[in-house]
């Protein structure tokens, strides 16, 4: 798939899924969750969706998200959605914690 087309589809999926999460999802656990980014595979058959938390609930609602996104995003074949918990923020918090420990030990 051409990179321009892939990026357009990726952006369309991100907007559609974020909008679905904000407007159509009634699950209380998912109300505070955020979709951070989407990554479409080279062949367009799989879309990895990185979320902040509540991975189990997202995975249970995969069919709902896919069917609702298919109504909005005009694709011949809707990619399979794979929800992945993004560890970026956790890793950043851990690094900050370690740096703070180093700073405290240097003061002594």
Protein backbone atom coordinates (compact mmCIF):
# COMPACT_ATOMS: atom_id res chain seq x y z
CA UNK A 1 0.00 0.00 0.00
CA UNK A 2 1.28 3.48 -0.82
CA UNK A 3 2.43 5.41 2.20
CA UNK A 4 0.18 8.41 1.48
CA UNK A 5 -2.91 6.22 1.23
CA UNK A 6 -1.83 4.28 4.31
CA UNK A 7 -1.38 7.48 6.33
CA UNK A 8 -4.78 8.79 5.21
CA UNK A 9 -6.52 5.55 6.19
CA UNK A 10 -4.59 5.49 9.46
CA UNK A 11 -5.72 9.04 10.28
CA UNK A 12 -9.31 8.25 9.28
CA UNK A 13 -9.35 5.18 11.53
CA UNK A 14 -7.87 7.14 14.42
CA UNK A 15 -10.50 9.88 14.10
CA UNK A 16 -13.35 7.39 13.72
CA UNK A 17 -12.30 5.22 16.66
CA UNK A 18 -11.69 8.22 18.91
CA UNK A 19 -15.10 9.62 18.00
CA UNK A 20 -16.77 6.26 18.67
CA UNK A 21 -15.05 6.08 22.06
CA UNK A 22 -16.22 9.57 22.99
CA UNK A 23 -19.79 9.42 21.68
CA UNK A 24 -21.06 5.85 21.41
CA UNK A 25 -19.37 3.83 24.15
CA UNK A 26 -21.42 3.51 27.33
CA UNK A 27 -19.08 1.24 29.28
CA UNK A 28 -18.00 3.13 32.43
CA UNK A 29 -14.45 1.74 32.40
CA UNK A 30 -13.84 2.96 28.86
CA UNK A 31 -15.08 6.49 29.56
CA UNK A 32 -11.69 7.53 30.98
CA UNK A 33 -9.59 5.65 28.43
CA UNK A 34 -7.82 7.23 25.49
CA UNK A 35 -6.78 5.98 22.08
CA UNK A 36 -3.21 7.23 21.68
CA UNK A 37 -2.40 6.19 18.14
CA UNK A 38 -3.18 3.71 15.38
CA UNK A 39 -0.78 1.85 13.10
CA UNK A 40 -2.05 0.22 9.93
CA UNK A 41 -0.08 -2.77 8.60
CA UNK A 42 1.58 -2.50 5.19
CA UNK A 43 -1.10 -4.61 3.52
CA UNK A 44 -3.93 -2.83 5.36
CA UNK A 45 -5.33 -6.00 6.90
CA UNK A 46 -4.53 -5.21 10.56
CA UNK A 47 -4.73 -1.99 12.54
CA UNK A 48 -2.91 -1.84 15.88
CA UNK A 49 -4.63 0.54 18.27
CA UNK A 50 -2.62 1.77 21.24
CA UNK A 51 -4.71 2.61 24.29
CA UNK A 52 -3.89 3.99 27.73
CA UNK A 53 -5.60 1.36 29.88
CA UNK A 54 -8.60 -0.99 30.21
CA UNK A 55 -7.18 -3.36 27.60
CA UNK A 56 -9.57 -6.19 28.47
CA UNK A 57 -12.64 -4.01 27.95
CA UNK A 58 -11.31 -2.73 24.63
CA UNK A 59 -10.66 -6.27 23.44
CA UNK A 60 -14.18 -7.31 24.43
CA UNK A 61 -15.59 -4.42 22.38
CA UNK A 62 -13.46 -5.08 19.28
CA UNK A 63 -16.44 -6.13 17.16
CA UNK A 64 -18.40 -3.05 18.17
CA UNK A 65 -15.51 -0.71 17.30
CA UNK A 66 -14.91 -2.46 13.98
CA UNK A 67 -18.54 -2.38 12.88
CA UNK A 68 -19.02 1.26 13.93
CA UNK A 69 -15.78 2.34 12.24
CA UNK A 70 -16.81 0.53 9.05
CA UNK A 71 -19.90 2.75 8.90
CA UNK A 72 -17.74 5.89 8.93
CA UNK A 73 -14.51 4.97 7.15
CA UNK A 74 -15.06 4.16 3.50
CA UNK A 75 -12.91 1.07 2.89
CA UNK A 76 -13.50 -1.97 0.73
CA UNK A 77 -12.34 -4.20 3.59
CA UNK A 78 -12.19 -3.06 7.18
CA UNK A 79 -8.90 -4.10 8.85
CA UNK A 80 -8.84 -6.38 11.88
CA UNK A 81 -8.49 -4.26 15.02
CA UNK A 82 -5.88 -5.25 17.60
CA UNK A 83 -5.86 -3.30 20.86
CA UNK A 84 -2.47 -2.89 22.57
CA UNK A 85 -1.74 -1.20 25.87
CA UNK A 86 0.81 1.57 25.38
CA UNK A 87 3.57 1.34 27.96
CA UNK A 88 5.12 4.69 27.00
CA UNK A 89 3.72 6.68 29.91
CA UNK A 90 4.54 3.95 32.43
CA UNK A 91 8.11 3.80 31.14
CA UNK A 92 8.44 7.60 31.33
CA UNK A 93 7.14 7.58 34.91
CA UNK A 94 9.63 4.87 35.83
CA UNK A 95 12.55 6.82 34.31
CA UNK A 96 11.48 9.97 36.17
CA UNK A 97 11.29 7.98 39.41
CA UNK A 98 14.80 6.58 38.88
CA UNK A 99 16.18 10.04 38.08
CA UNK A 100 14.59 11.41 41.25
CA UNK A 101 16.20 8.61 43.28
CA UNK A 102 19.59 9.40 41.75
CA UNK A 103 19.15 13.09 42.50
CA UNK A 104 18.24 12.32 46.14
CA UNK A 105 21.23 10.01 46.56
CA UNK A 106 23.59 12.65 45.10
CA UNK A 107 22.35 15.22 47.66
CA UNK A 108 23.45 12.98 50.54
